[in-house]
Amino acid sequence: MTLTDVQKKQTCRILAIKGPDNLRQRLTALGVLRGQMVRLSASTLWGDPRTYAIGRQQICLRNDDACMVEVELCDD
Protein backbone atom coordinates (compact mmCIF):
# COMPACT_ATOMS: atom_id res chain seq x y z
CA MET A 1 0.00 0.00 0.00
CA THR A 2 1.25 3.51 -0.78
CA LEU A 3 0.36 6.99 0.45
CA THR A 4 -1.95 7.44 -2.54
CA ASP A 5 -4.13 4.56 -1.22
CA VAL A 6 -4.72 6.21 2.16
CA GLN A 7 -8.19 7.64 2.73
CA LYS A 8 -8.89 10.88 4.60
CA LYS A 9 -8.28 10.72 8.37
CA GLN A 10 -6.64 7.26 8.17
CA THR A 11 -3.37 6.94 10.06
CA CYS A 12 -0.53 4.86 8.70
CA ARG A 13 3.15 4.14 9.34
CA ILE A 14 5.86 4.64 6.72
CA LEU A 15 7.61 1.40 5.79
CA ALA A 16 9.89 2.45 2.92
CA ILE A 17 10.62 5.19 0.41
CA LYS A 18 11.27 4.07 -3.16
CA GLY A 19 12.34 5.98 -6.23
CA PRO A 20 15.40 7.91 -7.36
CA ASP A 21 17.92 9.27 -4.83
CA ASN A 22 16.94 12.91 -5.35
CA LEU A 23 13.29 12.14 -4.51
CA ARG A 24 14.23 10.14 -1.42
CA GLN A 25 16.52 12.93 -0.23
CA ARG A 26 13.81 15.55 -0.75
CA LEU A 27 11.20 13.50 1.10
CA THR A 28 13.64 12.83 3.94
CA ALA A 29 14.34 16.56 4.23
CA LEU A 30 10.57 17.12 4.53
CA GLY A 31 10.39 14.66 7.44
CA VAL A 32 9.12 11.63 5.56
CA LEU A 33 11.09 8.98 7.46
CA ARG A 34 10.65 5.26 8.00
CA GLY A 35 8.55 4.59 11.10
CA GLN A 36 6.86 8.00 11.11
CA MET A 37 3.09 8.19 11.49
CA VAL A 38 1.26 9.88 8.60
CA ARG A 39 -2.35 10.97 8.16
CA LEU A 40 -4.06 12.28 5.02
CA SER A 41 -5.47 15.61 6.11
CA ALA A 42 -6.72 17.16 2.86
CA SER A 43 -6.79 16.83 -0.90
CA THR A 44 -7.80 19.03 -3.79
CA LEU A 45 -11.06 18.59 -5.61
CA TRP A 46 -9.26 16.49 -8.25
CA GLY A 47 -7.25 14.50 -5.68
CA ASP A 48 -3.80 15.71 -6.73
CA PRO A 49 -1.90 17.07 -4.82
CA ARG A 50 -2.78 15.90 -1.30
CA THR A 51 -1.80 17.23 2.12
CA TYR A 52 -0.39 14.88 4.74
CA ALA A 53 0.16 15.45 8.45
CA ILE A 54 3.50 14.08 9.63
CA GLY A 55 4.13 14.80 13.28
CA ARG A 56 3.30 18.46 13.85
CA GLN A 57 3.82 19.56 10.27
CA GLN A 58 1.77 19.44 7.08
CA ILE A 59 3.33 18.61 3.71
CA CYS A 60 1.79 18.66 0.28
CA LEU A 61 2.78 15.91 -2.16
CA ARG A 62 1.83 15.17 -5.74
CA ASN A 63 0.50 11.65 -6.28
CA ASP A 64 3.55 10.85 -8.44
CA ASP A 65 5.75 11.38 -5.38
CA ALA A 66 3.34 9.94 -2.80
CA CYS A 67 3.12 6.63 -4.67
CA MET A 68 6.82 6.08 -3.90
CA VAL A 69 6.12 5.91 -0.15
CA GLU A 70 5.09 2.46 1.14
CA VAL A 71 2.88 2.50 4.23
CA GLU A 72 0.83 0.20 6.46
CA LEU A 73 -2.43 1.15 8.13
CA CYS A 74 -2.38 1.51 11.91
CA ASP A 75 -5.15 0.34 14.20
CA ASP A 76 -6.72 3.36 15.87
PDB file of N, CA and C in Angstrom:
ATOM      1  N   MET A   1       0.845  -1.164   0.000  1.00  0.00           N
ATOM      2  CA  MET A   1       0.000   0.000   0.000  1.00  0.00           C
ATOM      3  C   MET A   1       0.902   1.243   0.000  1.00  0.00           C
ATOM      4  N   THR A   2       0.481   2.268  -0.709  1.00  0.00           N
ATOM      5  CA  THR A   2       1.254   3.508  -0.775  1.00  0.00           C
ATOM      6  C   THR A   2       0.434   4.661  -0.207  1.00  0.00           C
ATOM      7  N   LEU A   3       1.061   5.820  -0.075  1.00  0.00           N
ATOM      8  CA  LEU A   3       0.361   6.993   0.454  1.00  0.00           C
ATOM      9  C   LEU A   3      -0.851   7.372  -0.395  1.00  0.00           C
ATOM     10  N   THR A   4      -0.821   7.089  -1.681  1.00  0.00           N
ATOM     11  CA  THR A   4      -1.952   7.438  -2.545  1.00  0.00           C
ATOM     12  C   THR A   4      -3.183   6.588  -2.247  1.00  0.00           C
ATOM     13  N   ASP A   5      -3.007   5.446  -1.569  1.00  0.00           N
ATOM     14  CA  ASP A   5      -4.126   4.562  -1.224  1.00  0.00           C
ATOM     15  C   ASP A   5      -4.810   4.956   0.082  1.00  0.00           C
ATOM     16  N   VAL A   6      -4.195   5.832   0.851  1.00  0.00           N
ATOM     17  CA  VAL A   6      -4.723   6.212   2.161  1.00  0.00           C
ATOM     18  C   VAL A   6      -5.937   7.122   1.990  1.00  0.00           C
ATOM     19  N   GLN A   7      -6.980   6.834   2.756  1.00  0.00           N
ATOM     20  CA  GLN A   7      -8.194   7.643   2.734  1.00  0.00           C
ATOM     21  C   GLN A   7      -8.092   8.741   3.790  1.00  0.00           C
ATOM     22  N   LYS A   8      -8.936   9.745   3.676  1.00  0.00           N
ATOM     23  CA  LYS A   8      -8.894  10.877   4.601  1.00  0.00           C
ATOM     24  C   LYS A   8      -9.084  10.407   6.044  1.00  0.00           C
ATOM     25  N   LYS A   9      -8.273  10.973   6.925  1.00  0.00           N
ATOM     26  CA  LYS A   9      -8.282  10.718   8.373  1.00  0.00           C
ATOM     27  C   LYS A   9      -7.727   9.350   8.762  1.00  0.00           C
ATOM     28  N   GLN A  10      -7.279   8.517   7.816  1.00  0.00           N
ATOM     29  CA  GLN A  10      -6.641   7.256   8.168  1.00  0.00           C
ATOM     30  C   GLN A  10      -5.205   7.540   8.591  1.00  0.00           C
ATOM     31  N   THR A  11      -4.745   6.803   9.590  1.00  0.00           N
ATOM     32  CA  THR A  11      -3.374   6.938  10.059  1.00  0.00           C
ATOM     33  C   THR A  11      -2.588   5.717   9.609  1.00  0.00           C
ATOM     34  N   CYS A  12      -1.377   5.964   9.154  1.00  0.00           N
ATOM     35  CA  CYS A  12      -0.528   4.864   8.704  1.00  0.00           C
ATOM     36  C   CYS A  12       0.915   5.115   9.124  1.00  0.00           C
ATOM     37  N   ARG A  13       1.733   4.081   9.001  1.00  0.00           N
ATOM     38  CA  ARG A  13       3.149   4.139   9.344  1.00  0.00           C
ATOM     39  C   ARG A  13       3.959   3.946   8.067  1.00  0.00           C
ATOM     40  N   ILE A  14       5.000   4.739   7.910  1.00  0.00           N
ATOM     41  CA  ILE A  14       5.859   4.642   6.723  1.00  0.00           C
ATOM     42  C   ILE A  14       6.766   3.425   6.845  1.00  0.00           C
ATOM     43  N   LEU A  15       6.764   2.589   5.818  1.00  0.00           N
ATOM     44  CA  LEU A  15       7.610   1.396   5.788  1.00  0.00           C
ATOM     45  C   LEU A  15       8.872   1.611   4.966  1.00  0.00           C
ATOM     46  N   ALA A  16       8.743   2.261   3.815  1.00  0.00           N
ATOM     47  CA  ALA A  16       9.893   2.449   2.919  1.00  0.00           C
ATOM     48  C   ALA A  16       9.618   3.586   1.949  1.00  0.00           C
ATOM     49  N   ILE A  17      10.704   4.152   1.443  1.00  0.00           N
ATOM     50  CA  ILE A  17      10.616   5.186   0.415  1.00  0.00           C
ATOM     51  C   ILE A  17      11.370   4.676  -0.804  1.00  0.00           C
ATOM     52  N   LYS A  18      10.668   4.558  -1.914  1.00  0.00           N
ATOM     53  CA  LYS A  18      11.266   4.072  -3.161  1.00  0.00           C
ATOM     54  C   LYS A  18      11.595   5.253  -4.066  1.00  0.00           C
ATOM     55  N   GLY A  19      12.116   4.943  -5.232  1.00  0.00           N
ATOM     56  CA  GLY A  19      12.341   5.983  -6.226  1.00  0.00           C
ATOM     57  C   GLY A  19      13.786   6.426  -6.305  1.00  0.00           C
ATOM     58  N   PRO A  20      14.037   7.418  -7.161  1.00  0.00           N
ATOM     59  CA  PRO A  20      15.401   7.914  -7.358  1.00  0.00           C
ATOM     60  C   PRO A  20      15.936   8.607  -6.098  1.00  0.00           C
ATOM     61  N   ASP A  21      17.252   8.695  -6.010  1.00  0.00           N
ATOM     62  CA  ASP A  21      17.915   9.272  -4.834  1.00  0.00           C
ATOM     63  C   ASP A  21      17.463  10.696  -4.552  1.00  0.00           C
ATOM     64  N   ASN A  22      17.316  11.516  -5.593  1.00  0.00           N
ATOM     65  CA  ASN A  22      16.941  12.914  -5.351  1.00  0.00           C
ATOM     66  C   ASN A  22      15.549  13.020  -4.728  1.00  0.00           C
ATOM     67  N   LEU A  23      14.619  12.148  -5.107  1.00  0.00           N
ATOM     68  CA  LEU A  23      13.291  12.141  -4.515  1.00  0.00           C
ATOM     69  C   LEU A  23      13.360  11.683  -3.060  1.00  0.00           C
ATOM     70  N   ARG A  24      14.107  10.631  -2.796  1.00  0.00           N
ATOM     71  CA  ARG A  24      14.230  10.137  -1.419  1.00  0.00           C
ATOM     72  C   ARG A  24      14.875  11.176  -0.517  1.00  0.00           C
ATOM     73  N   GLN A  25      15.870  11.882  -1.024  1.00  0.00           N
ATOM     74  CA  GLN A  25      16.516  12.928  -0.227  1.00  0.00           C
ATOM     75  C   GLN A  25      15.558  14.082   0.049  1.00  0.00           C
ATOM     76  N   ARG A  26      14.766  14.457  -0.929  1.00  0.00           N
ATOM     77  CA  ARG A  26      13.806  15.552  -0.748  1.00  0.00           C
ATOM     78  C   ARG A  26      12.736  15.175   0.265  1.00  0.00           C
ATOM     79  N   LEU A  27      12.215  13.950   0.160  1.00  0.00           N
ATOM     80  CA  LEU A  27      11.197  13.503   1.103  1.00  0.00           C
ATOM     81  C   LEU A  27      11.763  13.390   2.519  1.00  0.00           C
ATOM     82  N   THR A  28      12.989  12.915   2.637  1.00  0.00           N
ATOM     83  CA  THR A  28      13.640  12.832   3.945  1.00  0.00           C
ATOM     84  C   THR A  28      13.810  14.214   4.550  1.00  0.00           C
ATOM     85  N   ALA A  29      14.181  15.185   3.739  1.00  0.00           N
ATOM     86  CA  ALA A  29      14.336  16.560   4.227  1.00  0.00           C
ATOM     87  C   ALA A  29      13.001  17.139   4.689  1.00  0.00           C
ATOM     88  N   LEU A  30      11.894  16.665   4.122  1.00  0.00           N
ATOM     89  CA  LEU A  30      10.568  17.122   4.529  1.00  0.00           C
ATOM     90  C   LEU A  30      10.067  16.411   5.790  1.00  0.00           C
ATOM     91  N   GLY A  31      10.795  15.389   6.236  1.00  0.00           N
ATOM     92  CA  GLY A  31      10.392  14.662   7.436  1.00  0.00           C
ATOM     93  C   GLY A  31       9.699  13.356   7.169  1.00  0.00           C
ATOM     94  N   VAL A  32       9.711  12.912   5.920  1.00  0.00           N
ATOM     95  CA  VAL A  32       9.116  11.627   5.562  1.00  0.00           C
ATOM     96  C   VAL A  32      10.175  10.564   5.833  1.00  0.00           C
ATOM     97  N   LEU A  33      10.086   9.949   7.017  1.00  0.00           N
ATOM     98  CA  LEU A  33      11.088   8.981   7.462  1.00  0.00           C
ATOM     99  C   LEU A  33      10.417   7.659   7.813  1.00  0.00           C
ATOM    100  N   ARG A  34      11.166   6.580   7.656  1.00  0.00           N
ATOM    101  CA  ARG A  34      10.646   5.262   7.997  1.00  0.00           C
ATOM    102  C   ARG A  34      10.238   5.234   9.467  1.00  0.00           C
ATOM    103  N   GLY A  35       9.060   4.687   9.736  1.00  0.00           N
ATOM    104  CA  GLY A  35       8.555   4.585  11.096  1.00  0.00           C
ATOM    105  C   GLY A  35       7.674   5.749  11.524  1.00  0.00           C
ATOM    106  N   GLN A  36       7.678   6.833  10.772  1.00  0.00           N
ATOM    107  CA  GLN A  36       6.856   7.999  11.106  1.00  0.00           C
ATOM    108  C   GLN A  36       5.385   7.690  10.863  1.00  0.00           C
ATOM    109  N   MET A  37       4.532   8.314  11.663  1.00  0.00           N
ATOM    110  CA  MET A  37       3.086   8.194  11.491  1.00  0.00           C
ATOM    111  C   MET A  37       2.622   9.304  10.541  1.00  0.00           C
ATOM    112  N   VAL A  38       1.752   8.952   9.613  1.00  0.00           N
ATOM    113  CA  VAL A  38       1.261   9.884   8.596  1.00  0.00           C
ATOM    114  C   VAL A  38      -0.256   9.790   8.537  1.00  0.00           C
ATOM    115  N   ARG A  39      -0.899  10.935   8.305  1.00  0.00           N
ATOM    116  CA  ARG A  39      -2.347  10.974   8.157  1.00  0.00           C
ATOM    117  C   ARG A  39      -2.680  11.876   6.975  1.00  0.00           C
ATOM    118  N   LEU A  40      -3.581  11.438   6.122  1.00  0.00           N
ATOM    119  CA  LEU A  40      -4.061  12.276   5.025  1.00  0.00           C
ATOM    120  C   LEU A  40      -4.999  13.306   5.625  1.00  0.00           C
ATOM    121  N   SER A  41      -4.645  14.583   5.483  1.00  0.00           N
ATOM    122  CA  SER A  41      -5.472  15.610   6.108  1.00  0.00           C
ATOM    123  C   SER A  41      -6.338  16.371   5.105  1.00  0.00           C
ATOM    124  N   ALA A  42      -5.916  16.450   3.852  1.00  0.00           N
ATOM    125  CA  ALA A  42      -6.719  17.164   2.855  1.00  0.00           C
ATOM    126  C   ALA A  42      -6.267  16.782   1.451  1.00  0.00           C
ATOM    127  N   SER A  43      -7.167  17.001   0.504  1.00  0.00           N
ATOM    128  CA  SER A  43      -6.790  16.831  -0.900  1.00  0.00           C
ATOM    129  C   SER A  43      -7.579  17.840  -1.719  1.00  0.00           C
ATOM    130  N   THR A  44      -7.105  18.102  -2.910  1.00  0.00           N
ATOM    131  CA  THR A  44      -7.801  19.032  -3.789  1.00  0.00           C
ATOM    132  C   THR A  44      -9.048  18.356  -4.349  1.00  0.00           C
ATOM    133  N   LEU A  45      -9.834  19.115  -5.024  1.00  0.00           N
ATOM    134  CA  LEU A  45     -11.057  18.586  -5.614  1.00  0.00           C
ATOM    135  C   LEU A  45     -10.755  17.435  -6.575  1.00  0.00           C
ATOM    136  N   TRP A  46      -9.636  17.515  -7.273  1.00  0.00           N
ATOM    137  CA  TRP A  46      -9.258  16.490  -8.246  1.00  0.00           C
ATOM    138  C   TRP A  46      -8.406  15.394  -7.638  1.00  0.00           C
ATOM    139  N   GLY A  47      -8.006  15.539  -6.370  1.00  0.00           N
ATOM    140  CA  GLY A  47      -7.247  14.497  -5.680  1.00  0.00           C
ATOM    141  C   GLY A  47      -5.743  14.570  -5.867  1.00  0.00           C
ATOM    142  N   ASP A  48      -5.237  15.584  -6.523  1.00  0.00           N
ATOM    143  CA  ASP A  48      -3.799  15.707  -6.734  1.00  0.00           C
ATOM    144  C   ASP A  48      -3.438  17.183  -6.798  1.00  0.00           C
ATOM    145  N   PRO A  49      -2.671  17.708  -5.899  1.00  0.00           N
ATOM    146  CA  PRO A  49      -1.902  17.071  -4.818  1.00  0.00           C
ATOM    147  C   PRO A  49      -2.751  16.853  -3.568  1.00  0.00           C
ATOM    148  N   ARG A  50      -2.137  16.190  -2.576  1.00  0.00           N
ATOM    149  CA  ARG A  50      -2.784  15.896  -1.305  1.00  0.00           C
ATOM    150  C   ARG A  50      -1.896  16.405  -0.169  1.00  0.00           C
ATOM    151  N   THR A  51      -2.528  16.733   0.953  1.00  0.00           N
ATOM    152  CA  THR A  51      -1.802  17.232   2.115  1.00  0.00           C
ATOM    153  C   THR A  51      -1.784  16.156   3.190  1.00  0.00           C
ATOM    154  N   TYR A  52      -0.584  15.902   3.714  1.00  0.00           N
ATOM    155  CA  TYR A  52      -0.392  14.878   4.735  1.00  0.00           C
ATOM    156  C   TYR A  52       0.130  15.515   6.011  1.00  0.00           C
ATOM    157  N   ALA A  53      -0.345  15.012   7.155  1.00  0.00           N
ATOM    158  CA  ALA A  53       0.158  15.445   8.450  1.00  0.00           C
ATOM    159  C   ALA A  53       1.189  14.427   8.911  1.00  0.00           C
ATOM    160  N   ILE A  54       2.414  14.914   9.124  1.00  0.00           N
ATOM    161  CA  ILE A  54       3.498  14.076   9.631  1.00  0.00           C
ATOM    162  C   ILE A  54       4.016  14.768  10.886  1.00  0.00           C
ATOM    163  N   GLY A  55       3.760  14.145  12.023  1.00  0.00           N
ATOM    164  CA  GLY A  55       4.126  14.799  13.275  1.00  0.00           C
ATOM    165  C   GLY A  55       3.309  16.067  13.446  1.00  0.00           C
ATOM    166  N   ARG A  56       3.990  17.184  13.673  1.00  0.00           N
ATOM    167  CA  ARG A  56       3.298  18.463  13.853  1.00  0.00           C
ATOM    168  C   ARG A  56       3.343  19.331  12.605  1.00  0.00           C
ATOM    169  N   GLN A  57       3.748  18.768  11.495  1.00  0.00           N
ATOM    170  CA  GLN A  57       3.824  19.557  10.266  1.00  0.00           C
ATOM    171  C   GLN A  57       2.890  18.993   9.201  1.00  0.00           C
ATOM    172  N   GLN A  58       2.593  19.825   8.227  1.00  0.00           N
ATOM    173  CA  GLN A  58       1.771  19.442   7.077  1.00  0.00           C
ATOM    174  C   GLN A  58       2.640  19.567   5.831  1.00  0.00           C
ATOM    175  N   ILE A  59       2.617  18.527   4.987  1.00  0.00           N
ATOM    176  CA  ILE A  59       3.335  18.614   3.714  1.00  0.00           C
ATOM    177  C   ILE A  59       2.370  18.283   2.590  1.00  0.00           C
ATOM    178  N   CYS A  60       2.618  18.867   1.455  1.00  0.00           N
ATOM    179  CA  CYS A  60       1.785  18.660   0.276  1.00  0.00           C
ATOM    180  C   CYS A  60       2.611  17.882  -0.744  1.00  0.00           C
ATOM    181  N   LEU A  61       2.075  16.753  -1.195  1.00  0.00           N
ATOM    182  CA  LEU A  61       2.785  15.913  -2.164  1.00  0.00           C
ATOM    183  C   LEU A  61       1.903  15.627  -3.373  1.00  0.00           C
ATOM    184  N   ARG A  62       2.524  15.632  -4.533  1.00  0.00           N
ATOM    185  CA  ARG A  62       1.832  15.170  -5.736  1.00  0.00           C
ATOM    186  C   ARG A  62       1.686  13.656  -5.643  1.00  0.00           C
ATOM    187  N   ASN A  63       0.711  13.102  -6.301  1.00  0.00           N
ATOM    188  CA  ASN A  63       0.501  11.651  -6.277  1.00  0.00           C
ATOM    189  C   ASN A  63       1.681  10.898  -6.882  1.00  0.00           C
ATOM    190  N   ASP A  64       2.374  11.502  -7.852  1.00  0.00           N
ATOM    191  CA  ASP A  64       3.551  10.852  -8.439  1.00  0.00           C
ATOM    192  C   ASP A  64       4.629  10.612  -7.396  1.00  0.00           C
ATOM    193  N   ASP A  65       4.771  11.529  -6.446  1.00  0.00           N
ATOM    194  CA  ASP A  65       5.750  11.378  -5.378  1.00  0.00           C
ATOM    195  C   ASP A  65       5.208  10.509  -4.248  1.00  0.00           C
ATOM    196  N   ALA A  66       3.941  10.688  -3.906  1.00  0.00           N
ATOM    197  CA  ALA A  66       3.341   9.941  -2.803  1.00  0.00           C
ATOM    198  C   ALA A  66       3.275   8.442  -3.091  1.00  0.00           C
ATOM    199  N   CYS A  67       3.192   8.058  -4.351  1.00  0.00           N
ATOM    200  CA  CYS A  67       3.116   6.627  -4.674  1.00  0.00           C
ATOM    201  C   CYS A  67       4.446   5.919  -4.450  1.00  0.00           C
ATOM    202  N   MET A  68       5.506   6.667  -4.187  1.00  0.00           N
ATOM    203  CA  MET A  68       6.818   6.079  -3.899  1.00  0.00           C
ATOM    204  C   MET A  68       7.002   5.760  -2.413  1.00  0.00           C
ATOM    205  N   VAL A  69       6.019   6.119  -1.587  1.00  0.00           N
ATOM    206  CA  VAL A  69       6.123   5.910  -0.146  1.00  0.00           C
ATOM    207  C   VAL A  69       5.220   4.740   0.254  1.00  0.00           C
ATOM    208  N   GLU A  70       5.833   3.633   0.692  1.00  0.00           N
ATOM    209  CA  GLU A  70       5.091   2.462   1.142  1.00  0.00           C
ATOM    210  C   GLU A  70       4.669   2.658   2.586  1.00  0.00           C
ATOM    211  N   VAL A  71       3.410   2.321   2.879  1.00  0.00           N
ATOM    212  CA  VAL A  71       2.881   2.501   4.232  1.00  0.00           C
ATOM    213  C   VAL A  71       2.056   1.271   4.635  1.00  0.00           C
ATOM    214  N   GLU A  72       1.782   1.190   5.947  1.00  0.00           N
ATOM    215  CA  GLU A  72       0.834   0.200   6.465  1.00  0.00           C
ATOM    216  C   GLU A  72      -0.152   0.930   7.356  1.00  0.00           C
ATOM    217  N   LEU A  73      -1.408   0.530   7.299  1.00  0.00           N
ATOM    218  CA  LEU A  73      -2.430   1.151   8.131  1.00  0.00           C
ATOM    219  C   LEU A  73      -2.207   0.795   9.584  1.00  0.00           C
ATOM    220  N   CYS A  74      -2.492   1.734  10.469  1.00  0.00           N
ATOM    221  CA  CYS A  74      -2.377   1.511  11.907  1.00  0.00           C
ATOM    222  C   CYS A  74      -3.768   1.355  12.495  1.00  0.00           C
ATOM    223  N   ASP A  75      -3.879   0.505  13.496  1.00  0.00           N
ATOM    224  CA  ASP A  75      -5.148   0.340  14.205  1.00  0.00           C
ATOM    225  C   ASP A  75      -5.335   1.520  15.126  1.00  0.00           C
ATOM    226  N   ASP A  76      -6.448   2.203  14.996  1.00  0.00           N
ATOM    227  CA  ASP A  76      -6.717   3.358  15.867  1.00  0.00           C
ATOM    228  C   ASP A  76      -7.521   2.948  17.061  1.00  0.00           C
TER     229      ASP A  76
END
